[in-house]
């Protein structure tokens, strides 16, 4: 789909936010020559970096956790009803099930977890 939308070139920027090897490797295949792969997913294991495919593409790969610089703006948008953060919630758990919730989020590739919400009851 990305290739079709970009006339075969690939995306300028691809963000890996899941933290599983398959999504990182997919991102490196979807990025266009001269593009950027931003890896913000928290990986618990190794992912393969296919340099045999990437060396000629001159891509930039950055890693790191997402900073909170834009958090105040995001919270204002949510409070004003201009951004529906609920669309990203895929799982809900009671606080007593914290360990289960963390496990579901940790295995996002298997559980399709995007955002996990914990509630008091």
N, C-alpha and C. Protein backbone atom coordinates (compact mmCIF):
# COMPACT_ATOMS: atom_id res chain seq x y z
N UNK A 1 0.82 -1.19 0.00
CA UNK A 1 0.00 0.00 0.00
C UNK A 1 0.87 1.26 0.00
N UNK A 2 1.91 1.30 0.86
CA UNK A 2 2.80 2.47 0.91
C UNK A 2 3.48 2.66 -0.43
N UNK A 3 3.95 1.60 -1.02
CA UNK A 3 4.62 1.68 -2.32
C UNK A 3 3.65 2.22 -3.38
N UNK A 4 2.41 1.76 -3.33
CA UNK A 4 1.42 2.23 -4.29
C UNK A 4 1.11 3.71 -4.14
N UNK A 5 1.02 4.16 -2.90
CA UNK A 5 0.72 5.57 -2.63
C UNK A 5 1.89 6.50 -2.96
N UNK A 6 3.10 5.94 -3.01
CA UNK A 6 4.30 6.77 -3.23
C UNK A 6 4.96 6.47 -4.57
N UNK A 7 4.19 5.89 -5.49
CA UNK A 7 4.70 5.53 -6.82
C UNK A 7 5.97 4.68 -6.73
N UNK A 8 6.00 3.77 -5.76
CA UNK A 8 7.09 2.83 -5.61
C UNK A 8 8.29 3.33 -4.81
N UNK A 9 8.26 4.58 -4.37
CA UNK A 9 9.43 5.15 -3.67
C UNK A 9 9.53 4.74 -2.20
N UNK A 10 8.43 4.67 -1.50
CA UNK A 10 8.45 4.43 -0.06
C UNK A 10 8.20 5.72 0.69
N UNK A 11 8.08 5.61 2.00
CA UNK A 11 7.75 6.76 2.85
C UNK A 11 8.97 7.59 3.21
N UNK A 12 8.78 8.89 3.35
CA UNK A 12 9.86 9.78 3.79
C UNK A 12 10.29 9.44 5.21
N UNK A 13 9.30 9.22 6.09
CA UNK A 13 9.56 8.91 7.49
C UNK A 13 8.69 7.72 7.87
N UNK A 14 9.30 6.76 8.56
CA UNK A 14 8.58 5.58 9.04
C UNK A 14 8.86 5.49 10.54
N UNK A 15 7.81 5.30 11.34
CA UNK A 15 7.96 5.25 12.79
C UNK A 15 7.66 3.84 13.28
N UNK A 16 8.63 3.25 13.96
CA UNK A 16 8.44 1.93 14.59
C UNK A 16 8.15 2.22 16.06
N UNK A 17 6.91 1.94 16.49
CA UNK A 17 6.52 2.25 17.86
C UNK A 17 6.01 1.04 18.62
N UNK A 18 6.15 -0.14 18.05
CA UNK A 18 5.62 -1.35 18.68
C UNK A 18 6.69 -2.08 19.49
N UNK A 19 7.90 -2.13 18.96
CA UNK A 19 8.99 -2.77 19.69
C UNK A 19 9.14 -4.25 19.41
N UNK A 20 8.76 -4.68 18.23
CA UNK A 20 8.98 -6.08 17.87
C UNK A 20 9.82 -6.13 16.59
N UNK A 21 10.64 -7.17 16.43
CA UNK A 21 11.53 -7.24 15.27
C UNK A 21 10.81 -7.10 13.94
N UNK A 22 9.64 -7.71 13.81
CA UNK A 22 8.93 -7.69 12.53
C UNK A 22 8.55 -6.27 12.10
N UNK A 23 8.13 -5.44 13.05
CA UNK A 23 7.74 -4.09 12.67
C UNK A 23 8.95 -3.23 12.36
N UNK A 24 10.07 -3.45 13.06
CA UNK A 24 11.29 -2.71 12.72
C UNK A 24 11.75 -3.07 11.32
N UNK A 25 11.78 -4.34 11.00
CA UNK A 25 12.21 -4.78 9.69
C UNK A 25 11.26 -4.29 8.60
N UNK A 26 9.95 -4.25 8.89
CA UNK A 26 8.99 -3.71 7.95
C UNK A 26 9.28 -2.23 7.68
N UNK A 27 9.57 -1.49 8.72
CA UNK A 27 9.88 -0.07 8.56
C UNK A 27 11.09 0.14 7.65
N UNK A 28 12.11 -0.68 7.80
CA UNK A 28 13.29 -0.52 6.95
C UNK A 28 12.99 -0.85 5.50
N UNK A 29 11.97 -1.67 5.25
CA UNK A 29 11.57 -1.97 3.87
C UNK A 29 10.68 -0.88 3.29
N UNK A 30 9.95 -0.16 4.14
CA UNK A 30 8.99 0.84 3.67
C UNK A 30 9.60 2.23 3.46
N UNK A 31 10.78 2.47 4.03
CA UNK A 31 11.39 3.80 3.93
C UNK A 31 12.00 4.02 2.55
N UNK A 32 11.88 5.21 2.04
CA UNK A 32 12.41 5.54 0.72
C UNK A 32 13.89 5.88 0.82
N UNK A 33 14.62 5.85 -0.27
CA UNK A 33 16.02 6.27 -0.25
C UNK A 33 16.13 7.70 0.29
N UNK A 34 17.06 7.90 1.20
CA UNK A 34 17.23 9.20 1.84
C UNK A 34 16.25 9.46 2.96
N UNK A 35 15.40 8.47 3.27
CA UNK A 35 14.36 8.63 4.29
C UNK A 35 14.86 8.40 5.70
N UNK A 36 13.94 8.38 6.63
CA UNK A 36 14.26 8.31 8.05
C UNK A 36 13.38 7.27 8.73
N UNK A 37 14.01 6.36 9.48
CA UNK A 37 13.30 5.41 10.32
C UNK A 37 13.48 5.88 11.77
N UNK A 38 12.38 6.20 12.42
CA UNK A 38 12.41 6.61 13.83
C UNK A 38 11.94 5.42 14.66
N UNK A 39 12.85 4.84 15.41
CA UNK A 39 12.51 3.68 16.24
C UNK A 39 12.29 4.15 17.67
N UNK A 40 11.01 4.21 18.08
CA UNK A 40 10.69 4.61 19.44
C UNK A 40 10.09 3.46 20.24
N UNK A 41 9.84 2.33 19.57
CA UNK A 41 9.33 1.16 20.26
C UNK A 41 10.38 0.60 21.21
N UNK A 42 9.94 0.08 22.33
CA UNK A 42 10.85 -0.50 23.33
C UNK A 42 11.03 -1.97 23.01
N UNK A 43 12.20 -2.33 22.55
CA UNK A 43 12.50 -3.70 22.14
C UNK A 43 13.04 -4.51 23.31
N UNK A 44 12.49 -5.69 23.49
CA UNK A 44 12.97 -6.58 24.54
C UNK A 44 13.94 -7.62 24.02
N UNK A 45 14.20 -7.59 22.73
CA UNK A 45 15.10 -8.56 22.11
C UNK A 45 15.68 -7.97 20.85
N UNK A 46 16.54 -8.72 20.19
CA UNK A 46 17.22 -8.19 18.99
C UNK A 46 16.29 -8.12 17.77
N UNK A 47 16.63 -7.20 16.89
CA UNK A 47 15.98 -7.08 15.59
C UNK A 47 17.08 -7.03 14.54
N UNK A 48 16.83 -7.63 13.42
CA UNK A 48 17.85 -7.70 12.37
C UNK A 48 17.89 -6.39 11.59
N UNK A 49 19.10 -5.90 11.38
CA UNK A 49 19.32 -4.71 10.56
C UNK A 49 19.92 -5.20 9.24
N UNK A 50 19.12 -5.19 8.19
CA UNK A 50 19.54 -5.73 6.90
C UNK A 50 20.38 -4.70 6.14
N UNK A 51 21.64 -4.60 6.50
CA UNK A 51 22.53 -3.64 5.85
C UNK A 51 22.74 -3.97 4.38
N UNK A 52 22.59 -5.24 4.01
CA UNK A 52 22.74 -5.62 2.60
C UNK A 52 21.69 -4.94 1.73
N UNK A 53 20.55 -4.55 2.32
CA UNK A 53 19.49 -3.87 1.59
C UNK A 53 19.52 -2.35 1.81
N UNK A 54 20.03 -1.94 2.97
CA UNK A 54 19.95 -0.53 3.35
C UNK A 54 21.13 0.32 2.92
N UNK A 55 22.28 -0.26 2.71
CA UNK A 55 23.50 0.53 2.51
C UNK A 55 23.36 1.49 1.34
N UNK A 56 22.66 1.10 0.30
CA UNK A 56 22.54 1.95 -0.88
C UNK A 56 21.42 2.99 -0.75
N UNK A 57 20.55 2.82 0.24
CA UNK A 57 19.40 3.72 0.39
C UNK A 57 19.73 5.01 1.15
N UNK A 58 20.88 5.05 1.83
CA UNK A 58 21.27 6.26 2.57
C UNK A 58 20.18 6.72 3.53
N UNK A 59 19.66 5.78 4.33
CA UNK A 59 18.61 6.12 5.30
C UNK A 59 19.23 6.49 6.64
N UNK A 60 18.48 7.24 7.41
CA UNK A 60 18.86 7.58 8.77
C UNK A 60 17.96 6.80 9.71
N UNK A 61 18.56 6.15 10.69
CA UNK A 61 17.79 5.42 11.69
C UNK A 61 18.12 6.03 13.04
N UNK A 62 17.08 6.48 13.74
CA UNK A 62 17.29 7.02 15.09
C UNK A 62 16.52 6.15 16.08
N UNK A 63 17.02 6.11 17.29
CA UNK A 63 16.37 5.34 18.35
C UNK A 63 16.22 6.22 19.57
N UNK A 64 15.35 5.83 20.45
CA UNK A 64 15.18 6.56 21.70
C UNK A 64 13.72 6.60 22.10
N UNK A 65 13.53 6.95 23.34
CA UNK A 65 12.17 7.07 23.86
C UNK A 65 11.58 8.39 23.40
N UNK A 66 10.26 8.42 23.31
CA UNK A 66 9.57 9.64 22.93
C UNK A 66 9.69 10.63 24.07
N UNK A 67 10.06 11.88 23.75
CA UNK A 67 10.13 12.88 24.81
C UNK A 67 8.73 13.40 25.11
N UNK A 68 8.61 14.17 26.14
CA UNK A 68 7.29 14.66 26.55
C UNK A 68 7.10 16.13 26.23
N UNK A 69 7.87 16.66 25.32
CA UNK A 69 7.80 18.07 24.96
C UNK A 69 6.39 18.48 24.54
N UNK A 70 5.73 17.66 23.75
CA UNK A 70 4.41 18.03 23.24
C UNK A 70 3.25 17.56 24.12
N UNK A 71 3.54 16.94 25.25
CA UNK A 71 2.47 16.43 26.12
C UNK A 71 1.48 17.51 26.56
N UNK A 72 1.92 18.68 27.01
CA UNK A 72 0.94 19.71 27.40
C UNK A 72 -0.01 20.09 26.27
N UNK A 73 0.51 20.21 25.05
CA UNK A 73 -0.34 20.54 23.91
C UNK A 73 -1.33 19.41 23.65
N UNK A 74 -0.86 18.18 23.69
CA UNK A 74 -1.73 17.03 23.48
C UNK A 74 -2.85 16.99 24.52
N UNK A 75 -2.52 17.23 25.78
CA UNK A 75 -3.53 17.21 26.84
C UNK A 75 -4.56 18.32 26.64
N UNK A 76 -4.13 19.50 26.19
CA UNK A 76 -5.07 20.59 25.91
C UNK A 76 -6.02 20.19 24.77
N UNK A 77 -5.49 19.56 23.73
CA UNK A 77 -6.33 19.12 22.61
C UNK A 77 -7.36 18.09 23.05
N UNK A 78 -6.93 17.14 23.89
CA UNK A 78 -7.85 16.11 24.39
C UNK A 78 -8.93 16.77 25.25
N UNK A 79 -8.52 17.67 26.16
CA UNK A 79 -9.48 18.33 27.05
C UNK A 79 -10.48 19.17 26.28
N UNK A 80 -10.06 19.76 25.17
CA UNK A 80 -10.94 20.60 24.36
C UNK A 80 -11.79 19.77 23.40
N UNK A 81 -11.61 18.46 23.40
CA UNK A 81 -12.38 17.60 22.51
C UNK A 81 -11.92 17.65 21.06
N UNK A 82 -10.71 18.15 20.82
CA UNK A 82 -10.19 18.25 19.46
C UNK A 82 -9.41 17.02 19.04
N UNK A 83 -9.16 16.13 19.97
CA UNK A 83 -8.41 14.91 19.68
C UNK A 83 -9.00 13.78 20.49
N UNK A 84 -9.43 12.72 19.83
CA UNK A 84 -10.04 11.58 20.51
C UNK A 84 -8.99 10.51 20.79
N UNK A 85 -8.36 10.59 21.95
CA UNK A 85 -7.33 9.62 22.31
C UNK A 85 -7.92 8.23 22.52
N UNK A 86 -9.20 8.14 22.79
CA UNK A 86 -9.84 6.86 22.99
C UNK A 86 -9.79 5.95 21.79
N UNK A 87 -9.61 6.52 20.60
CA UNK A 87 -9.52 5.71 19.38
C UNK A 87 -8.32 4.77 19.42
N UNK A 88 -7.32 5.10 20.22
CA UNK A 88 -6.10 4.31 20.26
C UNK A 88 -6.12 3.24 21.35
N UNK A 89 -7.11 3.26 22.20
CA UNK A 89 -7.21 2.29 23.30
C UNK A 89 -7.72 0.97 22.74
N UNK A 90 -6.91 -0.07 22.92
CA UNK A 90 -7.31 -1.39 22.44
C UNK A 90 -7.60 -2.37 23.57
N UNK A 91 -7.12 -2.06 24.78
CA UNK A 91 -7.31 -2.96 25.91
C UNK A 91 -7.54 -2.14 27.18
N UNK A 92 -8.38 -2.65 28.06
CA UNK A 92 -8.65 -2.02 29.36
C UNK A 92 -8.51 -3.06 30.45
N UNK A 93 -7.90 -2.64 31.57
CA UNK A 93 -7.70 -3.53 32.71
C UNK A 93 -7.93 -2.78 34.01
N UNK A 94 -8.39 -3.50 35.02
CA UNK A 94 -8.46 -2.94 36.37
C UNK A 94 -7.04 -2.86 36.92
N UNK A 95 -6.81 -1.93 37.82
CA UNK A 95 -5.47 -1.76 38.41
C UNK A 95 -4.97 -3.06 39.03
N UNK A 96 -5.88 -3.86 39.55
CA UNK A 96 -5.48 -5.15 40.15
C UNK A 96 -4.87 -6.09 39.11
N UNK A 97 -5.14 -5.85 37.85
CA UNK A 97 -4.60 -6.69 36.77
C UNK A 97 -3.41 -6.02 36.08
N UNK A 98 -2.68 -5.21 36.83
CA UNK A 98 -1.56 -4.45 36.27
C UNK A 98 -0.56 -5.36 35.56
N UNK A 99 -0.18 -6.46 36.19
CA UNK A 99 0.81 -7.35 35.59
C UNK A 99 0.30 -7.96 34.28
N UNK A 100 -0.96 -8.32 34.24
CA UNK A 100 -1.55 -8.84 33.01
C UNK A 100 -1.56 -7.77 31.93
N UNK A 101 -1.92 -6.54 32.31
CA UNK A 101 -1.94 -5.44 31.35
C UNK A 101 -0.55 -5.19 30.78
N UNK A 102 0.46 -5.22 31.64
CA UNK A 102 1.83 -5.00 31.17
C UNK A 102 2.25 -6.11 30.21
N UNK A 103 1.87 -7.34 30.53
CA UNK A 103 2.21 -8.46 29.66
C UNK A 103 1.54 -8.32 28.29
N UNK A 104 0.29 -7.91 28.26
CA UNK A 104 -0.42 -7.70 26.99
C UNK A 104 0.27 -6.62 26.18
N UNK A 105 0.65 -5.51 26.83
CA UNK A 105 1.33 -4.42 26.13
C UNK A 105 2.72 -4.85 25.66
N UNK A 106 3.41 -5.62 26.49
CA UNK A 106 4.75 -6.10 26.14
C UNK A 106 4.71 -6.98 24.90
N UNK A 107 3.64 -7.73 24.74
CA UNK A 107 3.49 -8.63 23.60
C UNK A 107 2.56 -8.03 22.54
N UNK A 108 2.71 -6.75 22.29
CA UNK A 108 1.81 -6.04 21.37
C UNK A 108 1.72 -6.68 20.00
N UNK A 109 2.80 -7.26 19.53
CA UNK A 109 2.78 -7.91 18.22
C UNK A 109 1.82 -9.09 18.19
N UNK A 110 1.67 -9.76 19.32
CA UNK A 110 0.77 -10.91 19.40
C UNK A 110 -0.65 -10.51 19.80
N UNK A 111 -0.75 -9.50 20.67
CA UNK A 111 -2.05 -9.13 21.25
C UNK A 111 -2.73 -7.98 20.52
N UNK A 112 -2.03 -7.36 19.57
CA UNK A 112 -2.54 -6.20 18.83
C UNK A 112 -2.83 -5.02 19.76
N UNK A 113 -2.10 -4.95 20.87
CA UNK A 113 -2.28 -3.83 21.79
C UNK A 113 -1.64 -2.57 21.22
N UNK A 114 -2.41 -1.51 21.24
CA UNK A 114 -1.88 -0.22 20.82
C UNK A 114 -1.69 0.65 22.07
N UNK A 115 -2.77 0.87 22.80
CA UNK A 115 -2.69 1.56 24.08
C UNK A 115 -3.50 0.76 25.08
N UNK A 116 -2.96 0.63 26.29
CA UNK A 116 -3.61 -0.12 27.36
C UNK A 116 -3.99 0.87 28.45
N UNK A 117 -5.23 0.81 28.89
CA UNK A 117 -5.71 1.71 29.92
C UNK A 117 -5.95 0.93 31.21
N UNK A 118 -5.48 1.48 32.32
CA UNK A 118 -5.72 0.90 33.64
C UNK A 118 -6.73 1.77 34.38
N UNK A 119 -7.69 1.13 35.03
CA UNK A 119 -8.69 1.86 35.81
C UNK A 119 -8.62 1.43 37.26
N UNK A 120 -9.18 2.24 38.15
CA UNK A 120 -9.13 1.94 39.58
C UNK A 120 -9.95 0.73 39.95
N UNK A 121 -11.00 0.43 39.23
CA UNK A 121 -11.83 -0.72 39.59
C UNK A 121 -12.11 -1.60 38.41
